[in-house]
Amino acid sequence: LAMMGDRDGARAALDQALALEPATAAFQLLRGDLEVAAGRVDAARQAFAAALQLDPDNREAAARLRRLEAGEGGSRLPAPDVR
């Protein structure tokens, strides 16, 4: 949905997914991507950190968090893999 421009719909769907499976790192990673796209860097940082707490070996979350910490924001974040 987010890739089709429906960020609100994507956020609503993700909220439902997180309500059902709050301990899923992939959902937190997607939340971070949505927050970056919306320009909410602090919320993105929290989501990526949550993904790493749930899955300390999550390379994507670690890379995205490093980019935010380096001040690169979301302009260079790759599109999320939503397969």
N, C-alpha and C. Protein backbone atom coordinates (compact mmCIF):
# COMPACT_ATOMS: atom_id res chain seq x y z
N LEU A 1 0.82 -1.20 0.00
CA LEU A 1 0.00 0.00 0.00
C LEU A 1 0.86 1.26 0.00
N ALA A 2 1.89 1.25 0.81
CA ALA A 2 2.76 2.43 0.89
C ALA A 2 3.44 2.68 -0.44
N MET A 3 3.84 1.62 -1.12
CA MET A 3 4.52 1.78 -2.40
C MET A 3 3.57 2.31 -3.47
N MET A 4 2.26 2.16 -3.24
CA MET A 4 1.27 2.68 -4.17
C MET A 4 0.80 4.07 -3.75
N GLY A 5 1.42 4.63 -2.71
CA GLY A 5 1.08 5.97 -2.27
C GLY A 5 0.05 6.05 -1.17
N ASP A 6 -0.42 4.93 -0.70
CA ASP A 6 -1.43 4.91 0.35
C ASP A 6 -0.77 4.69 1.70
N ARG A 7 -0.06 5.71 2.18
CA ARG A 7 0.64 5.58 3.47
C ARG A 7 -0.32 5.40 4.63
N ASP A 8 -1.46 6.07 4.58
CA ASP A 8 -2.44 5.92 5.66
C ASP A 8 -2.97 4.49 5.71
N GLY A 9 -3.26 3.93 4.53
CA GLY A 9 -3.72 2.55 4.48
C GLY A 9 -2.66 1.58 4.94
N ALA A 10 -1.42 1.86 4.55
CA ALA A 10 -0.31 1.00 4.98
C ALA A 10 -0.13 1.08 6.49
N ARG A 11 -0.24 2.28 7.04
CA ARG A 11 -0.09 2.45 8.49
C ARG A 11 -1.21 1.71 9.22
N ALA A 12 -2.43 1.79 8.72
CA ALA A 12 -3.56 1.11 9.35
C ALA A 12 -3.37 -0.40 9.31
N ALA A 13 -2.94 -0.92 8.16
CA ALA A 13 -2.71 -2.35 8.04
C ALA A 13 -1.59 -2.80 8.96
N LEU A 14 -0.53 -1.99 9.05
CA LEU A 14 0.58 -2.33 9.93
C LEU A 14 0.17 -2.27 11.39
N ASP A 15 -0.65 -1.30 11.75
CA ASP A 15 -1.16 -1.23 13.12
C ASP A 15 -1.93 -2.49 13.49
N GLN A 16 -2.73 -3.00 12.55
CA GLN A 16 -3.47 -4.23 12.80
C GLN A 16 -2.52 -5.42 12.96
N ALA A 17 -1.51 -5.47 12.09
CA ALA A 17 -0.55 -6.57 12.16
C ALA A 17 0.20 -6.53 13.49
N LEU A 18 0.61 -5.34 13.90
CA LEU A 18 1.33 -5.20 15.17
C LEU A 18 0.45 -5.54 16.36
N ALA A 19 -0.84 -5.26 16.26
CA ALA A 19 -1.75 -5.61 17.34
C ALA A 19 -1.85 -7.12 17.51
N LEU A 20 -1.77 -7.83 16.38
CA LEU A 20 -1.84 -9.29 16.41
C LEU A 20 -0.51 -9.94 16.74
N GLU A 21 0.57 -9.36 16.26
CA GLU A 21 1.91 -9.94 16.43
C GLU A 21 2.91 -8.84 16.82
N PRO A 22 2.81 -8.31 18.04
CA PRO A 22 3.67 -7.18 18.43
C PRO A 22 5.15 -7.52 18.51
N ALA A 23 5.49 -8.78 18.63
CA ALA A 23 6.89 -9.17 18.77
C ALA A 23 7.50 -9.62 17.45
N THR A 24 7.05 -9.04 16.35
CA THR A 24 7.56 -9.40 15.03
C THR A 24 8.49 -8.30 14.54
N ALA A 25 9.77 -8.62 14.44
CA ALA A 25 10.77 -7.63 14.04
C ALA A 25 10.48 -7.06 12.65
N ALA A 26 10.00 -7.89 11.74
CA ALA A 26 9.73 -7.41 10.38
C ALA A 26 8.67 -6.32 10.38
N PHE A 27 7.69 -6.43 11.25
CA PHE A 27 6.66 -5.37 11.32
C PHE A 27 7.25 -4.08 11.86
N GLN A 28 8.16 -4.19 12.83
CA GLN A 28 8.81 -3.00 13.36
C GLN A 28 9.70 -2.35 12.29
N LEU A 29 10.34 -3.18 11.48
CA LEU A 29 11.17 -2.67 10.38
C LEU A 29 10.30 -1.89 9.39
N LEU A 30 9.16 -2.46 9.04
CA LEU A 30 8.24 -1.76 8.14
C LEU A 30 7.73 -0.47 8.76
N ARG A 31 7.45 -0.50 10.06
CA ARG A 31 7.00 0.70 10.77
C ARG A 31 8.09 1.79 10.63
N GLY A 32 9.33 1.41 10.82
CA GLY A 32 10.42 2.37 10.68
C GLY A 32 10.49 2.95 9.28
N ASP A 33 10.32 2.10 8.28
CA ASP A 33 10.33 2.59 6.89
C ASP A 33 9.20 3.59 6.65
N LEU A 34 8.02 3.28 7.17
CA LEU A 34 6.89 4.21 7.03
C LEU A 34 7.16 5.53 7.73
N GLU A 35 7.76 5.46 8.90
CA GLU A 35 8.06 6.68 9.66
C GLU A 35 9.10 7.52 8.93
N VAL A 36 10.11 6.89 8.36
CA VAL A 36 11.12 7.62 7.59
C VAL A 36 10.45 8.32 6.41
N ALA A 37 9.60 7.59 5.70
CA ALA A 37 8.92 8.15 4.53
C ALA A 37 8.06 9.35 4.90
N ALA A 38 7.55 9.34 6.14
CA ALA A 38 6.70 10.44 6.61
C ALA A 38 7.53 11.56 7.26
N GLY A 39 8.85 11.37 7.32
CA GLY A 39 9.71 12.39 7.90
C GLY A 39 9.77 12.37 9.41
N ARG A 40 9.30 11.30 10.02
CA ARG A 40 9.31 11.18 11.49
C ARG A 40 10.52 10.35 11.92
N VAL A 41 11.66 11.01 11.95
CA VAL A 41 12.93 10.33 12.19
C VAL A 41 12.99 9.71 13.58
N ASP A 42 12.53 10.41 14.60
CA ASP A 42 12.58 9.85 15.96
C ASP A 42 11.72 8.59 16.07
N ALA A 43 10.54 8.61 15.48
CA ALA A 43 9.67 7.43 15.50
C ALA A 43 10.31 6.29 14.70
N ALA A 44 10.96 6.62 13.60
CA ALA A 44 11.66 5.60 12.80
C ALA A 44 12.78 4.98 13.62
N ARG A 45 13.54 5.81 14.30
CA ARG A 45 14.64 5.33 15.13
C ARG A 45 14.11 4.36 16.19
N GLN A 46 12.99 4.70 16.81
CA GLN A 46 12.40 3.83 17.83
C GLN A 46 11.96 2.49 17.23
N ALA A 47 11.37 2.55 16.05
CA ALA A 47 10.91 1.32 15.40
C ALA A 47 12.08 0.42 15.01
N PHE A 48 13.14 1.00 14.44
CA PHE A 48 14.31 0.19 14.07
C PHE A 48 14.98 -0.39 15.32
N ALA A 49 15.03 0.39 16.39
CA ALA A 49 15.60 -0.11 17.64
C ALA A 49 14.75 -1.25 18.20
N ALA A 50 13.43 -1.13 18.09
CA ALA A 50 12.54 -2.20 18.54
C ALA A 50 12.76 -3.46 17.72
N ALA A 51 12.94 -3.31 16.41
CA ALA A 51 13.22 -4.47 15.56
C ALA A 51 14.50 -5.16 16.01
N LEU A 52 15.52 -4.37 16.36
CA LEU A 52 16.78 -4.96 16.81
C LEU A 52 16.65 -5.62 18.18
N GLN A 53 15.80 -5.08 19.03
CA GLN A 53 15.58 -5.73 20.32
C GLN A 53 14.93 -7.09 20.13
N LEU A 54 14.03 -7.16 19.18
CA LEU A 54 13.33 -8.42 18.91
C LEU A 54 14.21 -9.41 18.15
N ASP A 55 15.06 -8.88 17.29
CA ASP A 55 15.93 -9.71 16.46
C ASP A 55 17.29 -9.03 16.35
N PRO A 56 18.19 -9.27 17.30
CA PRO A 56 19.48 -8.60 17.32
C PRO A 56 20.34 -8.83 16.08
N ASP A 57 20.05 -9.87 15.31
CA ASP A 57 20.82 -10.16 14.11
C ASP A 57 20.20 -9.57 12.84
N ASN A 58 19.19 -8.73 12.99
CA ASN A 58 18.49 -8.16 11.84
C ASN A 58 19.38 -7.09 11.19
N ARG A 59 20.02 -7.47 10.10
CA ARG A 59 20.97 -6.58 9.42
C ARG A 59 20.28 -5.35 8.82
N GLU A 60 19.09 -5.54 8.29
CA GLU A 60 18.38 -4.41 7.69
C GLU A 60 18.06 -3.34 8.73
N ALA A 61 17.55 -3.76 9.87
CA ALA A 61 17.22 -2.81 10.94
C ALA A 61 18.48 -2.11 11.43
N ALA A 62 19.56 -2.86 11.59
CA ALA A 62 20.83 -2.27 12.04
C ALA A 62 21.33 -1.24 11.04
N ALA A 63 21.26 -1.57 9.76
CA ALA A 63 21.74 -0.64 8.73
C ALA A 63 20.89 0.62 8.69
N ARG A 64 19.59 0.46 8.77
CA ARG A 64 18.71 1.64 8.74
C ARG A 64 18.94 2.52 9.96
N LEU A 65 19.11 1.90 11.12
CA LEU A 65 19.36 2.66 12.33
C LEU A 65 20.69 3.40 12.24
N ARG A 66 21.72 2.75 11.72
CA ARG A 66 23.02 3.42 11.53
C ARG A 66 22.89 4.62 10.61
N ARG A 67 22.11 4.48 9.54
CA ARG A 67 21.92 5.60 8.61
C ARG A 67 21.23 6.77 9.30
N LEU A 68 20.23 6.47 10.10
CA LEU A 68 19.55 7.55 10.83
C LEU A 68 20.51 8.20 11.82
N GLU A 69 21.28 7.39 12.53
CA GLU A 69 22.22 7.92 13.51
C GLU A 69 23.29 8.77 12.83
N ALA A 70 23.63 8.42 11.60
CA ALA A 70 24.63 9.17 10.85
C ALA A 70 24.05 10.44 10.25
N GLY A 71 22.75 10.63 10.42
CA GLY A 71 22.11 11.83 9.91
C GLY A 71 21.73 11.77 8.44
N GLU A 72 21.72 10.57 7.89
CA GLU A 72 21.38 10.44 6.49
C GLU A 72 19.89 10.42 6.24
N GLY A 73 19.09 10.27 7.28
CA GLY A 73 17.64 10.26 7.10
C GLY A 73 17.19 9.14 6.22
N GLY A 74 16.09 9.36 5.52
CA GLY A 74 15.50 8.31 4.73
C GLY A 74 15.80 8.36 3.26
N SER A 75 16.55 9.36 2.81
CA SER A 75 16.73 9.52 1.38
C SER A 75 17.47 8.37 0.73
N ARG A 76 18.25 7.63 1.50
CA ARG A 76 19.03 6.54 0.92
C ARG A 76 18.56 5.18 1.38
N LEU A 77 17.47 5.13 2.10
CA LEU A 77 16.98 3.83 2.56
C LEU A 77 16.42 3.05 1.39
N PRO A 78 16.77 1.77 1.30
CA PRO A 78 16.20 0.96 0.22
C PRO A 78 14.73 0.70 0.48
N ALA A 79 14.03 0.39 -0.58
CA ALA A 79 12.62 0.05 -0.45
C ALA A 79 12.50 -1.20 0.39
N PRO A 80 11.50 -1.28 1.26
CA PRO A 80 11.35 -2.47 2.10
C PRO A 80 11.01 -3.69 1.27
N ASP A 81 11.53 -4.82 1.68
CA ASP A 81 11.23 -6.10 1.05
C ASP A 81 9.98 -6.64 1.72
N VAL A 82 8.87 -6.62 1.03
CA VAL A 82 7.58 -7.00 1.64
C VAL A 82 7.06 -8.31 1.10
N ARG A 83 7.96 -9.17 0.65
CA ARG A 83 7.54 -10.47 0.13
C ARG A 83 6.90 -11.31 1.18
